[in-house]
Amino acid sequence: MIRGEIVVEKKDQKICYVEIQLLQIDKRKKEKLRQANIKEAWDKNLKTSANQYIVRFWYRTGLSFNFVRLKSFQNMIDAIGVYGPNLSAPTYHEIRFPLLNKKVDYTEKLLKDHKL
């Protein structure tokens, strides 16, 4: 009998069922039972830790879960990752004045081309 072969006869059904189960187990072993290397394990721990900080911030500020779907959210995460671990958060003053003013100027520049 070929491994995984399905036979219709009743006396062979139990044997075929066992063979199919063995095939499925072999397939799962090949897919799942691979030992993670040190870098993968370390990256997984770092990602879990970073996600916990993001989630904690999210819950404390009451942000909408839909913000996660914004492209700008992913852009922010990418920019932080590119900068690295020594990125200091913008201060209250920086968020309120110079960074906001830069964004307003940029938006006005974009609108200038569309005004009549």
Protein backbone atom coordinates (compact mmCIF):
# COMPACT_ATOMS: atom_id res chain seq x y z
CA MET A 1 0.00 0.00 0.00
CA ILE A 2 1.28 3.47 -0.88
CA ARG A 3 1.54 5.76 2.12
CA GLY A 4 -1.57 7.97 2.24
CA GLU A 5 -3.49 5.81 -0.22
CA ILE A 6 -7.23 5.74 0.44
CA VAL A 7 -8.85 2.30 0.14
CA VAL A 8 -12.64 1.99 0.13
CA GLU A 9 -12.83 -1.50 1.61
CA LYS A 10 -13.95 -1.51 5.26
CA LYS A 11 -11.19 -3.80 6.54
CA ASP A 12 -8.52 -1.48 5.15
CA GLN A 13 -10.14 1.77 6.30
CA LYS A 14 -8.51 1.65 9.71
CA ILE A 15 -5.08 0.99 8.19
CA CYS A 16 -5.50 3.79 5.63
CA TYR A 17 -6.65 6.20 8.32
CA VAL A 18 -3.49 5.48 10.30
CA GLU A 19 -1.35 5.95 7.19
CA ILE A 20 -3.02 9.30 6.42
CA GLN A 21 -2.48 10.41 10.01
CA LEU A 22 1.21 9.49 9.75
CA LEU A 23 1.52 11.53 6.57
CA GLN A 24 -0.10 14.53 8.24
CA ILE A 25 2.22 14.21 11.24
CA ASP A 26 5.27 14.04 8.96
CA LYS A 27 4.09 17.14 7.11
CA ARG A 28 3.57 19.08 10.37
CA LYS A 29 6.99 18.05 11.65
CA LYS A 30 8.65 19.38 8.53
CA GLU A 31 6.74 22.67 8.73
CA LYS A 32 6.72 23.39 12.46
CA LEU A 33 9.47 21.51 14.21
CA ARG A 34 12.36 23.66 13.16
CA GLN A 35 14.50 25.10 15.91
CA ALA A 36 14.65 28.88 15.75
CA ASN A 37 18.13 30.26 15.50
CA ILE A 38 19.36 32.75 18.10
CA LYS A 39 18.70 35.80 15.90
CA GLU A 40 15.09 34.75 15.23
CA ALA A 41 14.47 34.12 18.93
CA TRP A 42 16.07 37.45 19.88
CA ASP A 43 14.11 39.33 17.19
CA LYS A 44 10.88 37.73 18.39
CA ASN A 45 11.56 38.86 21.97
CA LEU A 46 12.44 42.40 20.83
CA LYS A 47 9.32 42.63 18.68
CA THR A 48 7.13 41.40 21.55
CA SER A 49 8.68 43.95 23.89
CA ALA A 50 8.27 46.80 21.39
CA ASN A 51 4.66 45.83 20.70
CA GLN A 52 3.92 45.86 24.43
CA TYR A 53 5.13 49.48 24.67
CA ILE A 54 3.06 50.45 21.63
CA VAL A 55 -0.05 48.76 23.01
CA ARG A 56 0.43 50.31 26.44
CA PHE A 57 0.72 53.77 24.85
CA TRP A 58 -2.33 53.05 22.68
CA TYR A 59 -4.53 52.05 25.62
CA ARG A 60 -3.40 54.86 27.90
CA THR A 61 -4.10 57.55 25.31
CA GLY A 62 -7.38 56.06 24.11
CA LEU A 63 -6.40 56.09 20.44
CA SER A 64 -8.71 54.49 17.92
CA PHE A 65 -7.62 51.03 16.79
CA ASN A 66 -8.22 52.17 13.20
CA PHE A 67 -5.09 54.33 13.39
CA VAL A 68 -3.03 51.15 13.04
CA ARG A 69 -4.33 50.85 9.47
CA LEU A 70 -2.96 54.26 8.48
CA LYS A 71 0.07 54.29 6.21
CA SER A 72 1.50 57.11 8.34
CA PHE A 73 1.56 54.78 11.37
CA GLN A 74 3.70 52.26 9.48
CA ASN A 75 5.87 55.12 8.18
CA MET A 76 6.44 56.26 11.77
CA ILE A 77 7.41 52.74 12.87
CA ASP A 78 9.79 52.43 9.90
CA ALA A 79 11.41 55.81 10.61
CA ILE A 80 11.97 54.90 14.26
CA GLY A 81 13.50 51.59 13.19
CA VAL A 82 15.82 53.26 10.70
CA TYR A 83 17.01 55.82 13.24
CA GLY A 84 17.74 53.13 15.81
CA PRO A 85 17.58 52.75 19.56
CA ASN A 86 18.92 56.22 20.46
CA LEU A 87 16.02 58.22 19.03
CA SER A 88 14.73 60.58 21.69
CA ALA A 89 11.04 61.41 21.70
CA PRO A 90 10.05 64.91 20.57
CA THR A 91 9.36 67.25 23.46
CA TYR A 92 6.01 68.80 24.24
CA HIS A 93 7.29 72.12 22.86
CA GLU A 94 8.62 70.53 19.64
CA ILE A 95 5.31 68.82 18.93
CA ARG A 96 3.30 71.96 19.66
CA PHE A 97 5.31 74.57 17.79
CA PRO A 98 8.20 73.89 15.39
CA LEU A 99 7.05 70.48 14.13
CA LEU A 100 3.44 71.60 13.83
CA ASN A 101 4.48 74.79 12.02
CA LYS A 102 6.59 72.77 9.58
CA LYS A 103 3.61 70.54 8.83
CA VAL A 104 1.30 73.55 8.37
CA ASP A 105 3.80 75.19 5.99
CA TYR A 106 4.11 71.95 4.02
CA THR A 107 0.31 71.62 3.76
CA GLU A 108 -0.07 75.26 2.66
CA LYS A 109 2.60 74.70 0.02
CA LEU A 110 0.65 71.70 -1.30
CA LEU A 111 -2.60 73.70 -1.33
CA LYS A 112 -0.99 76.69 -3.06
CA ASP A 113 -0.80 74.79 -6.34
CA HIS A 114 -4.53 73.96 -6.15
CA LYS A 115 -5.87 77.41 -5.24
CA LEU A 116 -7.39 79.54 -7.94
